[in-house]
Amino acid sequence: MLNSSTVRNAAFGRGKLSKIGLQLYTVRRNLEKDFEATLRGIAALGIDEVEFAGYFGRQAEQIKKLLDELNLKAPAAHIASVVGREDLSEAIEAARIIGHKYLVFAYLRPEERESLDDYKKLIENLNRAGERCRAAGLQFAYHNHDFEFIKMDDQLPYDLILRETDAGLVKLELDLYWITKAGYDPLTYFEKYPGRFPLVHVKDMEDTPKKYFTEVGRGVIDFKKIFARAGKAGIEHYFIEQDETPADPLESVKVSLKYLREMKF
């Protein structure tokens, strides 16, 4: 069944997103210069929710106060911590204060993914982190790049992660750019692992040999086809993200937001 809080009328071929978020990594340089003004600018665009990637020296209480003032929700945050690397206590406490529902492991360093055994160790740590989060009333999730789709010992690490993590403890935040760049189809994963993908990064890919980042709607990714399967995937939150932009990131966000607001699927 489609999640009615994020998608309207999709079952009739007229699906439309009812809330759109932004991964704040997109505007990280703006936040470094002026945290409050950047969040005010995001709210002024009509963004409904944000996903944090660091707090830029602000206390959780300060962030919560500003988000409430701007009527912004922050259902998720990227964290560098995972059991086996660092303790999760600080991230969990910040999530409690700010109101995050998801803590998302953001990035696996190169030295932590040199072999399939490294991924097996990761899986153990992800499950432990999921247990910690569940005990705190949160949901843990894993965010992919493209390196999880490079075969090792004739296995895809991403498949191993999905297969070996506890489905209740570890959800997936699917980055639609990275999986596409790696040559794999999100729909295949939605069918095989229904309900595992409550979060997606909505990031488009240029139709060039470089396959670089571009504004949503200006690239080659068929978001209509992907979003039409939101119910199968379990998608609840759609975060625009663009790692690098040609000019002011907020101008690129405007382009992506306009496309997504007008898109029907």
Protein backbone atom coordinates (compact mmCIF):
# COMPACT_ATOMS: atom_id res chain seq x y z
CA MET A 1 0.00 0.00 0.00
CA LEU A 2 1.32 3.45 -0.89
CA ASN A 3 2.25 5.78 1.94
CA SER A 4 -0.44 8.46 1.68
CA SER A 5 1.63 10.98 3.67
CA THR A 6 4.17 11.33 0.88
CA VAL A 7 2.38 10.26 -2.30
CA ARG A 8 -1.10 11.19 -3.51
CA ASN A 9 -3.15 9.23 -6.07
CA ALA A 10 -0.18 7.23 -7.35
CA ALA A 11 -2.32 4.14 -7.72
CA PHE A 12 -4.20 5.92 -10.49
CA GLY A 13 -1.17 7.04 -12.41
CA ARG A 14 -1.45 10.55 -11.01
CA GLY A 15 1.00 10.27 -8.15
CA LYS A 16 2.37 13.52 -6.78
CA LEU A 17 4.78 14.11 -3.92
CA SER A 18 3.09 15.82 -1.01
CA LYS A 19 6.31 16.59 0.87
CA ILE A 20 9.85 17.12 -0.36
CA GLY A 21 13.02 17.23 1.70
CA LEU A 22 16.60 18.37 1.31
CA GLN A 23 19.81 16.63 2.38
CA LEU A 24 21.78 19.50 3.91
CA TYR A 25 25.08 18.22 2.56
CA THR A 26 23.96 20.03 -0.59
CA VAL A 27 24.29 23.39 1.18
CA ARG A 28 27.12 22.53 3.57
CA ARG A 29 29.29 25.47 2.50
CA ASN A 30 26.38 27.87 2.97
CA LEU A 31 25.73 26.43 6.43
CA GLU A 32 29.37 26.90 7.37
CA LYS A 33 29.14 30.59 6.46
CA ASP A 34 25.73 31.33 7.98
CA PHE A 35 23.83 28.44 9.50
CA GLU A 36 20.67 30.29 10.47
CA ALA A 37 20.31 32.30 7.26
CA THR A 38 20.76 29.16 5.15
CA LEU A 39 18.04 27.27 7.01
CA ARG A 40 15.77 30.31 6.68
CA GLY A 41 16.43 30.33 2.94
CA ILE A 42 15.59 26.64 2.69
CA ALA A 43 12.34 27.14 4.57
CA ALA A 44 11.46 30.08 2.32
CA LEU A 45 11.69 27.79 -0.71
CA GLY A 46 8.92 25.65 0.76
CA ILE A 47 11.07 22.64 1.60
CA ASP A 48 9.13 20.51 4.07
CA GLU A 49 11.91 18.61 5.81
CA VAL A 50 15.67 18.38 6.02
CA GLU A 51 18.22 15.66 6.63
CA PHE A 52 21.27 16.78 8.57
CA ALA A 53 24.87 15.89 7.78
CA GLY A 54 26.55 17.44 10.80
CA TYR A 55 25.38 20.22 13.11
CA PHE A 56 28.04 22.84 12.34
CA GLY A 57 28.91 23.49 15.96
CA ARG A 58 25.33 24.10 17.06
CA GLN A 59 23.77 22.47 20.08
CA ALA A 60 20.78 20.22 19.55
CA GLU A 61 18.56 22.56 21.56
CA GLN A 62 19.49 25.50 19.31
CA ILE A 63 18.70 23.49 16.20
CA LYS A 64 15.36 22.31 17.53
CA LYS A 65 14.31 25.86 18.39
CA LEU A 66 15.19 27.15 14.91
CA LEU A 67 13.48 24.25 13.14
CA ASP A 68 10.30 24.83 15.14
CA GLU A 69 10.38 28.54 14.29
CA LEU A 70 10.77 27.74 10.58
CA ASN A 71 8.22 24.90 10.62
CA LEU A 72 10.84 22.49 9.30
CA LYS A 73 10.95 18.82 10.24
CA ALA A 74 14.20 16.89 10.46
CA PRO A 75 13.26 13.20 10.30
CA ALA A 76 16.80 11.98 9.65
CA ALA A 77 20.47 12.71 10.18
CA HIS A 78 23.64 11.30 8.68
CA ILE A 79 26.18 10.19 11.23
CA ALA A 80 29.78 9.03 11.04
CA SER A 81 29.33 6.82 14.08
CA VAL A 82 28.57 3.15 14.01
CA VAL A 83 29.08 0.48 16.64
CA GLY A 84 32.66 -0.72 16.28
CA ARG A 85 33.90 2.71 15.26
CA GLU A 86 32.44 5.11 17.82
CA ASP A 87 29.78 5.18 20.49
CA LEU A 88 26.27 6.20 19.40
CA SER A 89 25.20 7.84 22.64
CA GLU A 90 25.84 11.42 21.53
CA ALA A 91 24.06 10.94 18.19
CA ILE A 92 21.09 9.29 19.88
CA GLU A 93 20.75 12.09 22.42
CA ALA A 94 20.88 14.75 19.69
CA ALA A 95 18.26 12.83 17.71
CA ARG A 96 15.98 12.74 20.75
CA ILE A 97 16.19 16.50 21.21
CA ILE A 98 15.93 17.53 17.55
CA GLY A 99 13.27 14.98 16.67
CA HIS A 100 15.04 12.68 14.23
CA LYS A 101 13.39 9.33 13.61
CA TYR A 102 16.27 7.89 11.57
CA LEU A 103 20.01 7.82 12.13
CA VAL A 104 21.78 6.98 8.89
CA PHE A 105 25.31 5.64 8.55
CA ALA A 106 26.69 7.89 5.85
CA TYR A 107 29.91 6.55 4.41
CA LEU A 108 32.25 3.59 4.61
CA ARG A 109 35.89 4.65 4.40
CA PRO A 110 38.13 2.96 1.78
CA GLU A 111 40.18 1.09 4.37
CA GLU A 112 36.95 -0.35 5.79
CA ARG A 113 35.86 -1.96 2.50
CA GLU A 114 38.89 -3.70 1.08
CA SER A 115 37.44 -7.22 1.28
CA LEU A 116 34.21 -9.12 1.70
CA ASP A 117 35.27 -9.85 5.27
CA ASP A 118 35.28 -6.11 5.86
CA TYR A 119 31.66 -5.98 4.76
CA LYS A 120 30.80 -8.91 7.00
CA LYS A 121 32.28 -6.99 9.92
CA LEU A 122 30.27 -3.96 8.83
CA ILE A 123 27.08 -6.01 8.85
CA GLU A 124 27.71 -7.08 12.43
CA ASN A 125 28.22 -3.46 13.41
CA LEU A 126 25.13 -2.30 11.54
CA ASN A 127 22.98 -4.83 13.36
CA ARG A 128 24.43 -3.73 16.71
CA ALA A 129 23.80 -0.10 15.87
CA GLY A 130 20.26 -1.02 14.86
CA GLU A 131 19.72 -2.61 18.25
CA ARG A 132 20.99 0.50 20.02
CA CYS A 133 18.71 2.72 17.96
CA ARG A 134 15.66 0.54 18.45
CA ALA A 135 16.21 0.60 22.21
CA ALA A 136 16.19 4.40 21.99
CA GLY A 137 13.03 4.51 19.89
CA LEU A 138 14.88 5.26 16.64
CA GLN A 139 15.44 3.48 13.34
CA PHE A 140 18.94 2.89 11.98
CA ALA A 141 19.66 2.96 8.24
CA TYR A 142 22.56 2.58 5.80
CA HIS A 143 23.28 5.00 2.94
CA ASN A 144 24.98 3.63 -0.19
CA HIS A 145 27.42 4.98 -2.72
CA ASP A 146 28.54 3.10 -5.84
CA PHE A 147 31.35 1.03 -4.30
CA GLU A 148 28.87 -1.38 -2.69
CA PHE A 149 28.03 -2.53 -6.23
CA ILE A 150 31.57 -3.63 -7.10
CA LYS A 151 31.71 -7.42 -6.98
CA MET A 152 33.96 -9.16 -4.48
CA ASP A 153 34.35 -12.94 -4.62
CA ASP A 154 31.50 -12.96 -7.13
CA GLN A 155 29.18 -11.20 -4.66
CA LEU A 156 27.79 -7.68 -4.53
CA PRO A 157 28.45 -6.15 -1.11
CA TYR A 158 25.13 -4.30 -1.32
CA ASP A 159 23.28 -7.58 -1.74
CA LEU A 160 25.18 -9.00 1.21
CA ILE A 161 24.21 -6.02 3.36
CA LEU A 162 20.54 -6.40 2.49
CA ARG A 163 20.59 -10.15 2.96
CA GLU A 164 22.52 -10.33 6.20
CA THR A 165 21.30 -7.29 8.15
CA ASP A 166 18.17 -7.66 10.27
CA ALA A 167 15.32 -6.16 8.23
CA GLY A 168 13.76 -4.68 11.34
CA LEU A 169 16.95 -3.19 12.70
CA VAL A 170 18.59 -1.86 9.54
CA LYS A 171 16.75 -0.01 6.79
CA LEU A 172 18.31 1.38 3.63
CA GLU A 173 18.52 4.94 2.42
CA LEU A 174 18.85 4.40 -1.30
CA ASP A 175 20.88 7.00 -3.17
CA LEU A 176 19.27 6.91 -6.60
CA TYR A 177 22.25 8.54 -8.30
CA TRP A 178 24.90 6.16 -6.99
CA ILE A 179 22.97 2.97 -7.69
CA THR A 180 22.20 4.18 -11.22
CA LYS A 181 25.79 5.21 -11.85
CA ALA A 182 26.88 1.75 -10.73
CA GLY A 183 24.63 0.24 -13.41
CA TYR A 184 21.88 -1.24 -11.25
CA ASP A 185 18.12 -0.71 -11.20
CA PRO A 186 16.40 0.45 -7.99
CA LEU A 187 13.21 -1.33 -9.03
CA THR A 188 14.96 -4.69 -8.88
CA TYR A 189 15.80 -4.05 -5.24
CA PHE A 190 12.31 -2.78 -4.43
CA GLU A 191 10.86 -6.06 -5.71
CA LYS A 192 13.36 -8.27 -3.91
CA TYR A 193 13.40 -6.35 -0.62
CA PRO A 194 10.01 -4.64 -0.27
CA GLY A 195 9.65 -2.14 2.52
CA ARG A 196 13.39 -1.81 3.21
CA PHE A 197 13.82 1.67 1.69
CA PRO A 198 12.03 4.34 3.74
CA LEU A 199 14.47 7.05 2.64
CA VAL A 200 15.79 8.01 -0.80
CA HIS A 201 18.26 10.59 -2.06
CA VAL A 202 16.80 12.24 -5.13
CA LYS A 203 19.88 13.08 -7.14
CA ASP A 204 20.13 13.18 -10.92
CA MET A 205 22.95 12.16 -13.28
CA GLU A 206 24.21 13.97 -16.36
CA ASP A 207 23.94 12.33 -19.76
CA THR A 208 27.70 12.68 -20.29
CA PRO A 209 30.68 10.31 -20.13
CA LYS A 210 31.49 11.79 -16.71
CA LYS A 211 27.98 10.99 -15.39
CA TYR A 212 28.27 13.88 -12.98
CA PHE A 213 25.67 15.29 -10.59
CA THR A 214 22.98 17.56 -11.97
CA GLU A 215 19.68 19.10 -10.94
CA VAL A 216 16.71 16.76 -10.69
CA GLY A 217 14.93 16.60 -14.03
CA ARG A 218 17.98 17.62 -16.05
CA GLY A 219 19.58 14.19 -16.11
CA VAL A 220 18.84 10.64 -17.19
CA ILE A 221 17.27 9.06 -14.11
CA ASP A 222 13.60 8.13 -14.57
CA PHE A 223 12.22 9.33 -11.23
CA LYS A 224 8.63 8.88 -12.37
CA LYS A 225 9.15 5.17 -12.83
CA ILE A 226 10.96 4.86 -9.50
CA PHE A 227 8.43 6.86 -7.48
CA ALA A 228 5.54 4.89 -8.97
CA ARG A 229 6.92 1.94 -6.97
CA ALA A 230 7.15 3.88 -3.71
CA GLY A 231 4.61 1.65 -2.04
CA LYS A 232 6.59 -1.49 -2.79
CA ALA A 233 9.82 0.15 -1.64
CA GLY A 234 8.32 1.62 1.51
CA ILE A 235 9.53 5.15 0.72
CA GLU A 236 8.49 7.75 3.27
CA HIS A 237 11.03 10.55 2.76
CA TYR A 238 12.44 12.07 -0.43
CA PHE A 239 15.57 14.19 0.03
CA ILE A 240 16.93 16.27 -2.83
CA GLU A 241 20.71 16.07 -2.85
CA GLN A 242 23.37 17.45 -5.17
CA ASP A 243 26.92 16.94 -3.96
CA GLU A 244 28.31 19.70 -6.17
CA THR A 245 26.47 22.49 -7.98
CA PRO A 246 27.56 24.85 -10.77
CA ALA A 247 26.78 27.98 -8.71
CA ASP A 248 24.87 28.76 -5.51
CA PRO A 249 23.50 25.43 -4.22
CA LEU A 250 20.17 27.04 -3.35
CA GLU A 251 19.69 27.94 -7.03
CA SER A 252 20.15 24.28 -7.96
CA VAL A 253 17.76 23.26 -5.18
CA LYS A 254 15.14 25.58 -6.69
CA VAL A 255 15.45 23.83 -10.06
CA SER A 256 15.12 20.37 -8.52
CA LEU A 257 12.25 21.44 -6.29
CA LYS A 258 10.28 22.93 -9.18
CA TYR A 259 10.63 19.74 -11.19
CA LEU A 260 9.54 17.52 -8.32
CA ARG A 261 6.57 19.72 -7.45
CA GLU A 262 5.30 19.55 -11.00
CA MET A 263 6.09 15.89 -11.62
CA LYS A 264 3.24 13.39 -11.84
CA PHE A 265 3.77 9.66 -11.97
